[in-house]
C-alpha atoms as a PDB file:
ATOM      1  CA  MET A   1      62.615 -33.158 -11.206  1.00  0.00           C
ATOM      2  CA  SER A   2      62.784 -29.907  -9.870  1.00  0.00           C
ATOM      3  CA  TYR A   3      60.949 -26.918 -10.656  1.00  0.00           C
ATOM      4  CA  VAL A   4      61.574 -23.089 -10.435  1.00  0.00           C
ATOM      5  CA  TYR A   5      58.374 -21.311  -8.423  1.00  0.00           C
ATOM      6  CA  LYS A   6      58.150 -17.625  -9.191  1.00  0.00           C
ATOM      7  CA  ARG A   7      56.665 -15.307  -7.329  1.00  0.00           C
ATOM      8  CA  ILE A   8      53.523 -13.218  -8.409  1.00  0.00           C
ATOM      9  CA  ARG A   9      54.884 -10.312  -9.674  1.00  0.00           C
ATOM     10  CA  ASP A  10      57.659 -12.184 -11.349  1.00  0.00           C
ATOM     11  CA  LEU A  11      55.127 -14.163 -13.719  1.00  0.00           C
ATOM     12  CA  GLU A  12      54.935 -12.934 -17.300  1.00  0.00           C
ATOM     13  CA  ALA A  13      52.739 -13.564 -20.449  1.00  0.00           C
ATOM     14  CA  SER A  14      54.259 -16.818 -22.297  1.00  0.00           C
ATOM     15  CA  PRO A  15      53.967 -19.635 -24.214  1.00  0.00           C
ATOM     16  CA  GLN A  16      56.025 -21.562 -21.627  1.00  0.00           C
ATOM     17  CA  PRO A  17      53.999 -22.623 -18.625  1.00  0.00           C
ATOM     18  CA  GLN A  18      55.131 -21.460 -15.170  1.00  0.00           C
ATOM     19  CA  HIS A  19      55.089 -22.534 -11.713  1.00  0.00           C
ATOM     20  CA  PHE A  20      54.237 -20.452  -8.785  1.00  0.00           C
ATOM     21  CA  TYR A  21      52.246 -20.725  -5.304  1.00  0.00           C
ATOM     22  CA  GLY A  22      49.567 -18.363  -3.999  1.00  0.00           C
ATOM     23  CA  LYS A  23      47.011 -18.036  -1.260  1.00  0.00           C
ATOM     24  CA  LEU A  24      43.117 -18.188  -2.384  1.00  0.00           C
ATOM     25  CA  ILE A  25      41.369 -15.141  -1.567  1.00  0.00           C
ATOM     26  CA  PHE A  26      38.268 -15.291  -3.848  1.00  0.00           C
ATOM     27  CA  HIS A  27      36.653 -18.220  -5.830  1.00  0.00           C
ATOM     28  CA  GLY A  28      34.059 -18.060  -8.335  1.00  0.00           C
ATOM     29  CA  VAL A  29      32.515 -20.759 -10.936  1.00  0.00           C
ATOM     30  CA  HIS A  30      31.637 -19.693 -14.695  1.00  0.00           C
ATOM     31  CA  ASP A  31      30.728 -22.327 -17.032  1.00  0.00           C
ATOM     32  CA  LYS A  32      32.308 -25.200 -15.030  1.00  0.00           C
ATOM     33  CA  GLN A  33      35.511 -23.151 -14.883  1.00  0.00           C
ATOM     34  CA  HIS A  34      36.808 -21.922 -11.886  1.00  0.00           C
ATOM     35  CA  VAL A  35      38.000 -18.319 -11.489  1.00  0.00           C
ATOM     36  CA  LEU A  36      40.264 -17.993  -8.699  1.00  0.00           C
ATOM     37  CA  LEU A  37      42.269 -14.859  -7.100  1.00  0.00           C
ATOM     38  CA  LEU A  38      45.711 -15.768  -5.727  1.00  0.00           C
ATOM     39  CA  LYS A  39      47.723 -13.508  -3.554  1.00  0.00           C
ATOM     40  CA  ASP A  40      51.299 -14.021  -2.450  1.00  0.00           C
ATOM     41  CA  GLU A  41      53.494 -11.440  -0.423  1.00  0.00           C
ATOM     42  CA  THR A  42      54.485  -9.602  -4.010  1.00  0.00           C
ATOM     43  CA  GLY A  43      51.185  -9.525  -5.790  1.00  0.00           C
ATOM     44  CA  LEU A  44      47.823 -10.773  -7.028  1.00  0.00           C
ATOM     45  CA  ILE A  45      46.408 -12.925  -9.913  1.00  0.00           C
ATOM     46  CA  TYR A  46      43.532 -14.462 -11.340  1.00  0.00           C
ATOM     47  CA  VAL A  47      43.723 -17.893 -12.703  1.00  0.00           C
ATOM     48  CA  TRP A  48      41.027 -19.696 -14.713  1.00  0.00           C
ATOM     49  CA  VAL A  49      40.773 -23.582 -13.697  1.00  0.00           C
ATOM     50  CA  LYS A  50      39.415 -26.005 -16.279  1.00  0.00           C
ATOM     51  CA  PRO A  51      39.080 -29.280 -14.382  1.00  0.00           C
ATOM     52  CA  LYS A  52      39.346 -32.621 -16.212  1.00  0.00           C
ATOM     53  CA  GLU A  53      35.855 -34.266 -17.139  1.00  0.00           C
ATOM     54  CA  ASN A  54      33.639 -35.005 -13.950  1.00  0.00           C
ATOM     55  CA  GLN A  55      36.221 -34.061 -11.834  1.00  0.00           C
ATOM     56  CA  VAL A  56      35.648 -32.133  -8.453  1.00  0.00           C
ATOM     57  CA  LEU A  57      37.653 -29.533  -7.029  1.00  0.00           C
ATOM     58  CA  ARG A  58      36.844 -28.168  -3.634  1.00  0.00           C
ATOM     59  CA  PHE A  59      38.389 -25.036  -3.405  1.00  0.00           C
ATOM     60  CA  GLN A  60      37.983 -23.006   0.033  1.00  0.00           C
ATOM     61  CA  LEU A  61      39.428 -19.419   0.775  1.00  0.00           C
ATOM     62  CA  ARG A  62      42.687 -19.119   2.607  1.00  0.00           C
ATOM     63  CA  GLN A  63      43.970 -22.320   0.957  1.00  0.00           C
ATOM     64  CA  VAL A  64      47.514 -22.201  -0.201  1.00  0.00           C
ATOM     65  CA  ILE A  65      47.364 -23.333  -4.071  1.00  0.00           C
ATOM     66  CA  ARG A  66      50.579 -24.869  -5.991  1.00  0.00           C
ATOM     67  CA  PHE A  67      50.488 -24.446  -9.670  1.00  0.00           C
ATOM     68  CA  HIS A  68      52.658 -26.699 -11.953  1.00  0.00           C
ATOM     69  CA  ARG A  69      52.430 -25.799 -15.847  1.00  0.00           C
ATOM     70  CA  CYS A  70      50.093 -23.056 -15.749  1.00  0.00           C
ATOM     71  CA  VAL A  71      49.740 -20.905 -18.835  1.00  0.00           C
ATOM     72  CA  ILE A  72      50.181 -17.167 -18.091  1.00  0.00           C
ATOM     73  CA  GLY A  73      48.850 -14.862 -20.612  1.00  0.00           C
ATOM     74  CA  TRP A  74      47.072 -11.550 -20.924  1.00  0.00           C
ATOM     75  CA  GLN A  75      43.376 -10.724 -19.907  1.00  0.00           C
ATOM     76  CA  HIS A  76      42.431  -6.893 -20.813  1.00  0.00           C
ATOM     77  CA  SER A  77      45.978  -5.389 -19.933  1.00  0.00           C
ATOM     78  CA  SER A  78      46.826  -7.528 -16.752  1.00  0.00           C
ATOM     79  CA  VAL A  79      48.207 -11.202 -16.493  1.00  0.00           C
ATOM     80  CA  LYS A  80      46.365 -14.019 -15.853  1.00  0.00           C
ATOM     81  CA  GLY A  81      46.609 -17.869 -15.642  1.00  0.00           C
ATOM     82  CA  THR A  82      44.955 -20.898 -17.025  1.00  0.00           C
ATOM     83  CA  ALA A  83      45.142 -23.953 -15.724  1.00  0.00           C
ATOM     84  CA  THR A  84      43.675 -26.972 -17.858  1.00  0.00           C
ATOM     85  CA  ILE A  85      44.027 -29.969 -15.536  1.00  0.00           C
ATOM     86  CA  GLY A  86      45.634 -32.664 -17.250  1.00  0.00           C
ATOM     87  CA  LYS A  87      46.750 -30.714 -20.528  1.00  0.00           C
ATOM     88  CA  ALA A  88      50.626 -30.879 -21.026  1.00  0.00           C
ATOM     89  CA  GLY A  89      51.017 -31.890 -17.343  1.00  0.00           C
ATOM     90  CA  CYS A  90      49.342 -29.085 -15.725  1.00  0.00           C
ATOM     91  CA  HIS A  91      48.101 -29.949 -11.873  1.00  0.00           C
ATOM     92  CA  LEU A  92      47.629 -28.352  -8.787  1.00  0.00           C
ATOM     93  CA  VAL A  93      47.854 -29.108  -5.133  1.00  0.00           C
ATOM     94  CA  ALA A  94      46.264 -27.365  -2.486  1.00  0.00           C
ATOM     95  CA  TRP A  95      46.632 -27.019   1.454  1.00  0.00           C
ATOM     96  CA  PRO A  96      44.647 -25.812   4.323  1.00  0.00           C
ATOM     97  CA  ALA A  97      45.935 -22.255   5.675  1.00  0.00           C
ATOM     98  CA  SER A  98      49.044 -23.638   8.267  1.00  0.00           C
ATOM     99  CA  GLY A  99      48.647 -27.267   6.689  1.00  0.00           C
ATOM    100  CA  ASN A 100      50.859 -29.893   6.923  1.00  0.00           C
ATOM    101  CA  PRO A 101      52.671 -30.038   3.651  1.00  0.00           C
ATOM    102  CA  LEU A 102      52.193 -33.904   3.461  1.00  0.00           C
ATOM    103  CA  HIS A 103      48.569 -33.891   3.536  1.00  0.00           C
ATOM    104  CA  PRO A 104      46.871 -31.710   0.689  1.00  0.00           C
ATOM    105  CA  VAL A 105      43.548 -31.479   0.695  1.00  0.00           C
ATOM    106  CA  ILE A 106      43.405 -31.056  -3.121  1.00  0.00           C
ATOM    107  CA  ILE A 107      45.339 -33.147  -5.722  1.00  0.00           C
ATOM    108  CA  SER A 108      44.457 -32.855  -9.170  1.00  0.00           C
ATOM    109  CA  SER A 109      46.714 -35.419 -10.319  1.00  0.00           C
ATOM    110  CA  LYS A 110      47.994 -38.929  -9.300  1.00  0.00           C
ATOM    111  CA  GLU A 111      51.448 -37.887 -10.455  1.00  0.00           C
ATOM    112  CA  TRP A 112      51.898 -35.090  -8.466  1.00  0.00           C
ATOM    113  CA  THR A 113      55.201 -34.932  -6.105  1.00  0.00           C
ATOM    114  CA  ARG A 114      56.426 -32.879  -3.009  1.00  0.00           C
ATOM    115  CA  SER A 115      58.537 -29.923  -3.052  1.00  0.00           C
ATOM    116  CA  PRO A 116      61.094 -28.958  -0.538  1.00  0.00           C
ATOM    117  CA  GLU A 117      59.512 -25.500  -0.840  1.00  0.00           C
ATOM    118  CA  ASP A 118      55.916 -26.821  -0.093  1.00  0.00           C
ATOM    119  CA  ARG A 119      56.439 -26.154   4.061  1.00  0.00           C
ATOM    120  CA  GLU A 120      58.140 -22.868   3.660  1.00  0.00           C
ATOM    121  CA  ARG A 121      55.600 -21.533   1.139  1.00  0.00           C
ATOM    122  CA  ILE A 122      52.798 -22.527   3.028  1.00  0.00           C
ATOM    123  CA  GLU A 123      54.104 -21.197   6.362  1.00  0.00           C
ATOM    124  CA  THR A 124      54.718 -17.638   4.228  1.00  0.00           C
ATOM    125  CA  LEU A 125      51.496 -17.543   2.666  1.00  0.00           C
ATOM    126  CA  SER A 126      49.449 -18.720   5.667  1.00  0.00           C
ATOM    127  CA  LYS A 127      50.756 -15.513   7.408  1.00  0.00           C
ATOM    128  CA  VAL A 128      49.656 -13.298   4.789  1.00  0.00           C
ATOM    129  CA  GLU A 129      46.376 -13.312   6.204  1.00  0.00           C
ATOM    130  CA  ARG A 130      46.280 -14.989   9.308  1.00  0.00           C
ATOM    131  CA  ARG A 131      45.382 -13.026  12.265  1.00  0.00           C
ATOM    132  CA  PRO A 132      47.414 -13.007  15.815  1.00  0.00           C
ATOM    133  CA  GLN A 133      45.765 -15.338  18.582  1.00  0.00           C
ATOM    134  CA  GLU A 134      45.735 -12.499  21.065  1.00  0.00           C
ATOM    135  CA  LYS A 135      42.408 -10.636  21.448  1.00  0.00           C
ATOM    136  CA  LYS A 136      43.914  -7.335  20.950  1.00  0.00           C
ATOM    137  CA  VAL A 137      44.043  -6.382  17.347  1.00  0.00           C
ATOM    138  CA  THR A 138      45.923  -3.326  15.878  1.00  0.00           C
ATOM    139  CA  VAL A 139      45.195  -0.827  13.738  1.00  0.00           C
ATOM    140  CA  GLU A 140      47.465  -2.303  10.994  1.00  0.00           C
ATOM    141  CA  GLU A 141      45.936  -5.496  11.103  1.00  0.00           C
ATOM    142  CA  MET A 142      42.455  -3.937  11.076  1.00  0.00           C
ATOM    143  CA  ALA A 143      43.332  -2.248   8.057  1.00  0.00           C
ATOM    144  CA  ASN A 144      44.851  -5.531   6.384  1.00  0.00           C
ATOM    145  CA  LYS A 145      41.816  -7.078   7.197  1.00  0.00           C
ATOM    146  CA  LEU A 146      39.680  -4.662   5.420  1.00  0.00           C
ATOM    147  CA  ILE A 147      41.933  -4.635   2.095  1.00  0.00           C
ATOM    148  CA  GLU A 148      41.403  -8.157   2.287  1.00  0.00           C
ATOM    149  CA  VAL A 149      37.661  -7.816   2.065  1.00  0.00           C
ATOM    150  CA  ARG A 150      37.802  -5.314  -0.342  1.00  0.00           C
ATOM    151  CA  GLU A 151      40.011  -7.371  -2.494  1.00  0.00           C
ATOM    152  CA  GLY A 152      37.659  -9.899  -2.305  1.00  0.00           C
ATOM    153  CA  GLN A 153      34.572  -7.475  -3.350  1.00  0.00           C
ATOM    154  CA  ARG A 154      36.798  -5.926  -6.365  1.00  0.00           C
ATOM    155  CA  ALA A 155      37.704  -9.681  -7.481  1.00  0.00           C
ATOM    156  CA  LYS A 156      33.788 -10.367  -7.894  1.00  0.00           C
ATOM    157  CA  VAL A 157      33.174  -7.157  -9.990  1.00  0.00           C
ATOM    158  CA  ILE A 158      36.129  -7.837 -12.048  1.00  0.00           C
ATOM    159  CA  VAL A 159      35.312 -11.222 -12.814  1.00  0.00           C
ATOM    160  CA  SER A 160      31.563 -10.175 -13.292  1.00  0.00           C
ATOM    161  CA  SER A 161      32.852  -7.610 -16.077  1.00  0.00           C
ATOM    162  CA  TRP A 162      35.063  -9.835 -17.584  1.00  0.00           C
ATOM    163  CA  ILE A 163      32.316 -12.668 -17.895  1.00  0.00           C
ATOM    164  CA  LYS A 164      30.186  -9.541 -19.295  1.00  0.00           C
ATOM    165  CA  ARG A 165      32.592  -8.735 -21.691  1.00  0.00           C
ATOM    166  CA  VAL A 166      33.222 -12.319 -22.713  1.00  0.00           C
ATOM    167  CA  ARG A 167      29.688 -12.983 -23.405  1.00  0.00           C
ATOM    168  CA  GLN A 168      29.495  -9.680 -25.430  1.00  0.00           C
ATOM    169  CA  ASP A 169      32.436 -10.485 -27.813  1.00  0.00           C
ATOM    170  CA  GLU A 170      30.746 -13.944 -28.118  1.00  0.00           C
ATOM    171  CA  ASP A 171      27.453 -12.667 -29.179  1.00  0.00           C
ATOM    172  CA  GLU A 172      29.039 -10.470 -31.583  1.00  0.00           C
ATOM    173  CA  LYS A 173      31.486 -12.923 -33.239  1.00  0.00           C
ATOM    174  CA  LEU A 174      28.393 -15.323 -33.088  1.00  0.00           C
ATOM    175  CA  HIS A 175      26.447 -12.650 -35.298  1.00  0.00           C
ATOM    176  CA  LEU A 176      29.067 -12.251 -37.745  1.00  0.00           C
ATOM    177  CA  THR A 177      29.550 -15.923 -38.345  1.00  0.00           C
ATOM    178  CA  THR A 178      25.721 -16.509 -38.784  1.00  0.00           C
ATOM    179  CA  LYS A 179      25.534 -13.501 -41.316  1.00  0.00           C
ATOM    180  CA  GLU A 180      28.709 -15.225 -43.249  1.00  0.00           C
ATOM    181  CA  LEU A 181      27.036 -18.616 -43.280  1.00  0.00           C
ATOM    182  CA  TYR A 182      23.740 -17.537 -44.451  1.00  0.00           C
ATOM    183  CA  ALA A 183      25.589 -15.980 -47.520  1.00  0.00           C
ATOM    184  CA  GLN A 184      26.504 -19.504 -48.558  1.00  0.00           C
ATOM    185  CA  TRP A 185      24.661 -21.594 -51.122  1.00  0.00           C
ATOM    186  CA  PRO A 186      23.272 -24.950 -50.530  1.00  0.00           C
ATOM    187  CA  GLY A 187      26.176 -27.528 -51.221  1.00  0.00           C
ATOM    188  CA  THR A 188      28.759 -25.065 -49.957  1.00  0.00           C
ATOM    189  CA  LEU A 189      31.272 -26.612 -47.419  1.00  0.00           C
ATOM    190  CA  VAL A 190      31.769 -24.316 -44.273  1.00  0.00           C
ATOM    191  CA  GLU A 191      33.510 -24.472 -41.187  1.00  0.00           C
ATOM    192  CA  SER A 192      34.081 -21.995 -37.935  1.00  0.00           C
ATOM    193  CA  LYS A 193      35.337 -21.808 -34.540  1.00  0.00           C
ATOM    194  CA  SER A 194      32.651 -19.665 -33.458  1.00  0.00           C
ATOM    195  CA  ASN A 195      30.702 -21.131 -30.307  1.00  0.00           C
ATOM    196  CA  PHE A 196      27.286 -22.042 -31.072  1.00  0.00           C
ATOM    197  CA  PRO A 197      24.578 -22.430 -28.064  1.00  0.00           C
ATOM    198  CA  ILE A 198      21.999 -24.843 -28.842  1.00  0.00           C
ATOM    199  CA  ASP A 199      18.420 -23.791 -28.531  1.00  0.00           C
ATOM    200  CA  ARG A 200      16.470 -25.681 -25.974  1.00  0.00           C
ATOM    201  CA  SER A 201      13.138 -24.517 -27.035  1.00  0.00           C
ATOM    202  CA  PHE A 202      13.712 -26.943 -30.246  1.00  0.00           C
ATOM    203  CA  PHE A 203      13.599 -29.876 -27.944  1.00  0.00           C
ATOM    204  CA  ASP A 204       9.630 -29.244 -26.983  1.00  0.00           C
ATOM    205  CA  GLU A 205       7.162 -31.806 -28.088  1.00  0.00           C
ATOM    206  CA  GLU A 206       6.185 -29.480 -30.890  1.00  0.00           C
ATOM    207  CA  TYR A 207       9.410 -30.107 -32.897  1.00  0.00           C
ATOM    208  CA  ALA A 208       9.719 -33.911 -31.923  1.00  0.00           C
ATOM    209  CA  GLU A 209       9.261 -35.366 -35.472  1.00  0.00           C
ATOM    210  CA  GLU A 210      11.929 -33.117 -36.850  1.00  0.00           C
ATOM    211  CA  PHE A 211      14.373 -34.174 -34.253  1.00  0.00           C
ATOM    212  CA  VAL A 212      15.358 -37.616 -35.831  1.00  0.00           C
ATOM    213  CA  GLN A 213      16.726 -37.460 -39.633  1.00  0.00           C
ATOM    214  CA  PHE A 214      17.833 -40.609 -41.382  1.00  0.00           C
ATOM    215  CA  PHE A 215      20.664 -40.340 -43.729  1.00  0.00           C
ATOM    216  CA  ARG A 216      22.839 -42.352 -46.240  1.00  0.00           C
ATOM    217  CA  LYS A 217      26.312 -42.029 -47.373  1.00  0.00           C
ATOM    218  CA  CYS A 218      28.245 -43.411 -49.820  1.00  0.00           C
ATOM    219  CA  LYS A 219      31.337 -45.549 -48.577  1.00  0.00           C
ATOM    220  CA  HIS A 220      33.099 -45.419 -51.779  1.00  0.00           C
ATOM    221  CA  CYS A 221      33.374 -41.290 -51.760  1.00  0.00           C
ATOM    222  CA  PHE A 222      32.258 -39.823 -48.823  1.00  0.00           C
ATOM    223  CA  ASP A 223      35.683 -39.108 -47.234  1.00  0.00           C
ATOM    224  CA  ASP A 224      36.621 -37.008 -50.569  1.00  0.00           C
ATOM    225  CA  VAL A 225      33.253 -35.309 -51.211  1.00  0.00           C
ATOM    226  CA  LYS A 226      31.646 -35.281 -47.888  1.00  0.00           C
ATOM    227  CA  LYS A 227      27.997 -35.535 -49.714  1.00  0.00           C
ATOM    228  CA  VAL A 228      24.914 -37.235 -47.868  1.00  0.00           C
ATOM    229  CA  LYS A 229      21.369 -37.807 -48.539  1.00  0.00           C
ATOM    230  CA  TYR A 230      18.374 -37.570 -46.233  1.00  0.00           C
ATOM    231  CA  ILE A 231      16.049 -40.528 -46.751  1.00  0.00           C
ATOM    232  CA  ARG A 232      12.449 -41.210 -45.232  1.00  0.00           C
ATOM    233  CA  GLU A 233      11.939 -44.664 -46.632  1.00  0.00           C
ATOM    234  CA  ASP A 234      14.646 -47.602 -47.009  1.00  0.00           C
ATOM    235  CA  ASN A 235      15.003 -47.287 -50.844  1.00  0.00           C
ATOM    236  CA  PRO A 236      18.330 -47.572 -52.651  1.00  0.00           C
ATOM    237  CA  ILE A 237      19.742 -44.553 -53.552  1.00  0.00           C
ATOM    238  CA  LYS A 238      22.610 -43.912 -56.127  1.00  0.00           C
ATOM    239  CA  CYS A 239      25.352 -41.597 -54.773  1.00  0.00           C
ATOM    240  CA  PRO A 240      25.357 -38.664 -56.954  1.00  0.00           C
ATOM    241  CA  ASN A 241      29.041 -38.356 -57.068  1.00  0.00           C
ATOM    242  CA  CYS A 242      30.219 -41.821 -58.130  1.00  0.00           C
ATOM    243  CA  LYS A 243      26.737 -43.490 -59.109  1.00  0.00           C
ATOM    244  CA  LYS A 244      27.132 -46.535 -56.859  1.00  0.00           C
ATOM    245  CA  THR A 245      24.428 -47.487 -54.478  1.00  0.00           C
ATOM    246  CA  MET A 246      24.449 -45.667 -51.009  1.00  0.00           C
ATOM    247  CA  LYS A 247      24.149 -48.488 -48.728  1.00  0.00           C
ATOM    248  CA  GLU A 248      25.106 -46.853 -45.349  1.00  0.00           C
ATOM    249  CA  LEU A 249      22.235 -46.225 -43.439  1.00  0.00           C
ATOM    250  CA  GLU A 250      22.772 -43.550 -40.299  1.00  0.00           C
ATOM    251  CA  VAL A 251      21.030 -41.446 -38.006  1.00  0.00           C
ATOM    252  CA  ALA A 252      21.718 -37.894 -36.972  1.00  0.00           C
ATOM    253  CA  VAL A 253      19.922 -35.389 -34.705  1.00  0.00           C
ATOM    254  CA  ARG A 254      18.922 -32.043 -35.424  1.00  0.00           C
ATOM    255  CA  VAL A 255      19.158 -28.897 -33.463  1.00  0.00           C
ATOM    256  CA  ARG A 256      18.509 -25.509 -33.497  1.00  0.00           C
ATOM    257  CA  ILE A 257      21.198 -22.724 -32.849  1.00  0.00           C
ATOM    258  CA  ASP A 258      20.081 -19.795 -30.481  1.00  0.00           C
ATOM    259  CA  VAL A 259      20.895 -16.485 -32.224  1.00  0.00           C
ATOM    260  CA  ASP A 260      18.557 -13.786 -32.847  1.00  0.00           C
ATOM    261  CA  GLY A 261      17.339 -13.037 -36.586  1.00  0.00           C
ATOM    262  CA  PHE A 262      18.279 -16.456 -37.825  1.00  0.00           C
ATOM    263  CA  ASN A 263      16.954 -19.745 -37.776  1.00  0.00           C
ATOM    264  CA  PHE A 264      19.649 -22.361 -38.037  1.00  0.00           C
ATOM    265  CA  ILE A 265      19.461 -26.071 -38.228  1.00  0.00           C
ATOM    266  CA  PHE A 266      22.635 -28.332 -37.347  1.00  0.00           C
ATOM    267  CA  THR A 267      21.915 -32.005 -38.320  1.00  0.00           C
ATOM    268  CA  ILE A 268      24.373 -34.055 -36.095  1.00  0.00           C
ATOM    269  CA  PRO A 269      25.373 -37.591 -36.608  1.00  0.00           C
ATOM    270  CA  ILE A 270      24.721 -39.556 -33.469  1.00  0.00           C
ATOM    271  CA  ARG A 271      28.436 -41.116 -33.686  1.00  0.00           C
ATOM    272  CA  LEU A 272      29.762 -37.263 -32.908  1.00  0.00           C
ATOM    273  CA  VAL A 273      27.219 -37.268 -30.149  1.00  0.00           C
ATOM    274  CA  GLU A 274      29.396 -38.240 -26.665  1.00  0.00           C
ATOM    275  CA  GLY A 275      27.989 -38.535 -23.263  1.00  0.00           C
ATOM    276  CA  HIS A 276      25.568 -41.378 -22.851  1.00  0.00           C
ATOM    277  CA  GLU A 277      26.167 -44.917 -23.211  1.00  0.00           C
ATOM    278  CA  ASN A 278      22.786 -45.938 -24.574  1.00  0.00           C
ATOM    279  CA  LEU A 279      22.743 -43.475 -27.772  1.00  0.00           C
ATOM    280  CA  PRO A 280      24.822 -45.978 -29.927  1.00  0.00           C
ATOM    281  CA  ASN A 281      22.365 -49.031 -28.989  1.00  0.00           C
ATOM    282  CA  LEU A 282      19.497 -47.013 -29.877  1.00  0.00           C
ATOM    283  CA  SER A 283      21.005 -45.430 -33.020  1.00  0.00           C
ATOM    284  CA  ASP A 284      21.169 -48.970 -34.347  1.00  0.00           C
ATOM    285  CA  TYR A 285      17.662 -49.683 -33.092  1.00  0.00           C
ATOM    286  CA  LEU A 286      16.227 -46.831 -35.118  1.00  0.00           C
ATOM    287  CA  THR A 287      18.464 -47.871 -38.180  1.00  0.00           C
ATOM    288  CA  GLU A 288      16.761 -51.122 -38.074  1.00  0.00           C
ATOM    289  CA  MET A 289      13.376 -49.269 -37.903  1.00  0.00           C
ATOM    290  CA  ALA A 290      14.003 -47.358 -40.803  1.00  0.00           C
ATOM    291  CA  LYS A 291      14.378 -50.397 -42.706  1.00  0.00           C
ATOM    292  CA  GLY A 292      10.848 -51.802 -41.541  1.00  0.00           C
ATOM    293  CA  LYS A 293      12.117 -54.369 -39.144  1.00  0.00           C
ATOM    294  CA  LYS A 294      10.932 -53.053 -36.027  1.00  0.00           C
ATOM    295  CA  ASP A 295       8.254 -50.365 -35.208  1.00  0.00           C
ATOM    296  CA  ASP A 296       8.077 -49.060 -31.752  1.00  0.00           C
ATOM    297  CA  GLU A 297       6.969 -45.670 -30.947  1.00  0.00           C
ATOM    298  CA  ARG A 298       8.134 -45.872 -27.306  1.00  0.00           C
ATOM    299  CA  LYS A 299      11.956 -46.862 -28.123  1.00  0.00           C
ATOM    300  CA  MET A 300      11.737 -43.354 -30.390  1.00  0.00           C
ATOM    301  CA  ILE A 301      10.924 -41.484 -27.837  1.00  0.00           C
ATOM    302  CA  ARG A 302      13.229 -42.926 -25.460  1.00  0.00           C
ATOM    303  CA  PHE A 303      15.926 -42.261 -28.047  1.00  0.00           C
ATOM    304  CA  CYS A 304      14.565 -38.503 -28.376  1.00  0.00           C
ATOM    305  CA  ARG A 305      14.683 -37.848 -24.948  1.00  0.00           C
ATOM    306  CA  MET A 306      18.077 -39.440 -23.960  1.00  0.00           C
ATOM    307  CA  ALA A 307      19.832 -37.624 -27.171  1.00  0.00           C
ATOM    308  CA  GLN A 308      18.035 -34.184 -26.031  1.00  0.00           C
ATOM    309  CA  ARG A 309      18.976 -34.706 -22.396  1.00  0.00           C
ATOM    310  CA  THR A 310      22.767 -35.198 -23.656  1.00  0.00           C
ATOM    311  CA  LEU A 311      22.809 -31.958 -25.684  1.00  0.00           C
ATOM    312  CA  TRP A 312      20.670 -29.946 -23.357  1.00  0.00           C
ATOM    313  CA  ASP A 313      23.179 -27.410 -21.933  1.00  0.00           C
ATOM    314  CA  ALA A 314      25.481 -28.375 -25.123  1.00  0.00           C
ATOM    315  CA  THR A 315      27.569 -25.473 -26.987  1.00  0.00           C
ATOM    316  CA  LEU A 316      29.046 -26.587 -30.290  1.00  0.00           C
ATOM    317  CA  THR A 317      32.238 -25.142 -31.799  1.00  0.00           C
ATOM    318  CA  GLY A 318      34.653 -26.245 -34.084  1.00  0.00           C
ATOM    319  CA  ILE A 319      32.461 -26.972 -36.743  1.00  0.00           C
ATOM    320  CA  ARG A 320      32.819 -28.794 -40.405  1.00  0.00           C
ATOM    321  CA  GLY A 321      29.931 -29.363 -42.555  1.00  0.00           C
ATOM    322  CA  ARG A 322      27.873 -28.714 -45.546  1.00  0.00           C
ATOM    323  CA  ILE A 323      24.898 -26.322 -46.206  1.00  0.00           C
ATOM    324  CA  MET A 324      21.955 -28.459 -46.950  1.00  0.00           C
ATOM    325  CA  GLY A 325      19.234 -25.976 -47.347  1.00  0.00           C
ATOM    326  CA  ARG A 326      18.741 -22.202 -47.256  1.00  0.00           C
ATOM    327  CA  SER A 327      15.887 -19.877 -47.545  1.00  0.00           C
ATOM    328  CA  GLU A 328      15.775 -16.175 -47.670  1.00  0.00           C
ATOM    329  CA  ASN A 329      11.955 -15.594 -46.734  1.00  0.00           C
ATOM    330  CA  LEU A 330      12.812 -17.512 -43.546  1.00  0.00           C
ATOM    331  CA  ASN A 331      16.333 -16.626 -42.934  1.00  0.00           C
ATOM    332  CA  PHE A 332      16.828 -20.256 -42.377  1.00  0.00           C
ATOM    333  CA  VAL A 333      19.904 -22.264 -43.106  1.00  0.00           C
ATOM    334  CA  GLU A 334      20.645 -26.073 -42.413  1.00  0.00           C
ATOM    335  CA  ILE A 335      23.855 -27.579 -42.262  1.00  0.00           C
ATOM    336  CA  PHE A 336      25.200 -31.195 -42.146  1.00  0.00           C
ATOM    337  CA  LEU A 337      28.391 -31.485 -39.519  1.00  0.00           C
ATOM    338  CA  PHE A 338      30.809 -33.647 -40.129  1.00  0.00           C
ATOM    339  CA  GLU A 339      33.118 -32.707 -37.316  1.00  0.00           C
ATOM    340  CA  LEU A 340      32.170 -30.574 -34.418  1.00  0.00           C
ATOM    341  CA  GLN A 341      33.677 -30.122 -30.434  1.00  0.00           C
ATOM    342  CA  PHE A 342      31.317 -29.590 -27.305  1.00  0.00           C
ATOM    343  CA  LEU A 343      32.160 -26.760 -24.940  1.00  0.00           C
ATOM    344  CA  ASP A 344      29.608 -28.548 -22.651  1.00  0.00           C
ATOM    345  CA  LEU A 345      27.861 -31.550 -22.540  1.00  0.00           C
ATOM    346  CA  SER A 346      25.389 -33.029 -19.935  1.00  0.00           C
ATOM    347  CA  ASN A 347      25.945 -36.212 -18.362  1.00  0.00           C
END
């Protein structure tokens, strides 16, 4: 398959992914995403690269990077690239300056292919910054080098400004969302695409007893009504909707959301928590313990520590759930979640 590679100045914001080469002159990392400033003979562009889970991309300055299927959009009145590796065929290949086209140093996909343009673009872009071998340096070359240094410094300032603005926007959006959720009454189904950072202070021993929550759900009507019942003892419970016995016993964990002025608790079924292979087995164990078959405090502590370690730096988004409790005096709201996505989950 042949690709059409654009020069940087010809890249336009479009839903259609685009292909291009660039020389790396700045590299930063934010929230496990790489922020790259790329340069060619026509211009500059920032590209945000999100690797696959557990994928390590070792970028170095002056590498020549080829992007396939990078999405170009707008970022504060200028175009920027977003490369989510593995999504819709997006991948990248990188070579050292003046490197051999046959031997890239970064390959983000096993399905990568060579391009007839690789050699020419590597040679051309390598010369954009390369200094001649002789000892004498012209005024023009010194000026170009100074420009490169200033471009790198300016890139740091711009990226820091972007990150600060993004965080401010997220904080403002979160406060508006929490106010909207707080206004809802218990029993209301709610959903939100805002980002909810977990408050790690809730994982202290002081709140250990509040971390685990057993609940029952009705297998007959849960998919329709999305109702659950919190329990402390293994007693039969009638479904308030269909009046049939609720036999499904599950384990959830409770986390507090880090937002000023509100006390938000999200109750998350363990089946929604990804990232640790031991969690499912331990949740089965805790279910048996709730039924009175086992009683081992050490296992409970181990479960809590593993679950908390998994959720330590997590931020939740794309939530759907039901409000289980609300207190105006305490600015308190508890939401049982049926669906969620993790922006960040420790391994």
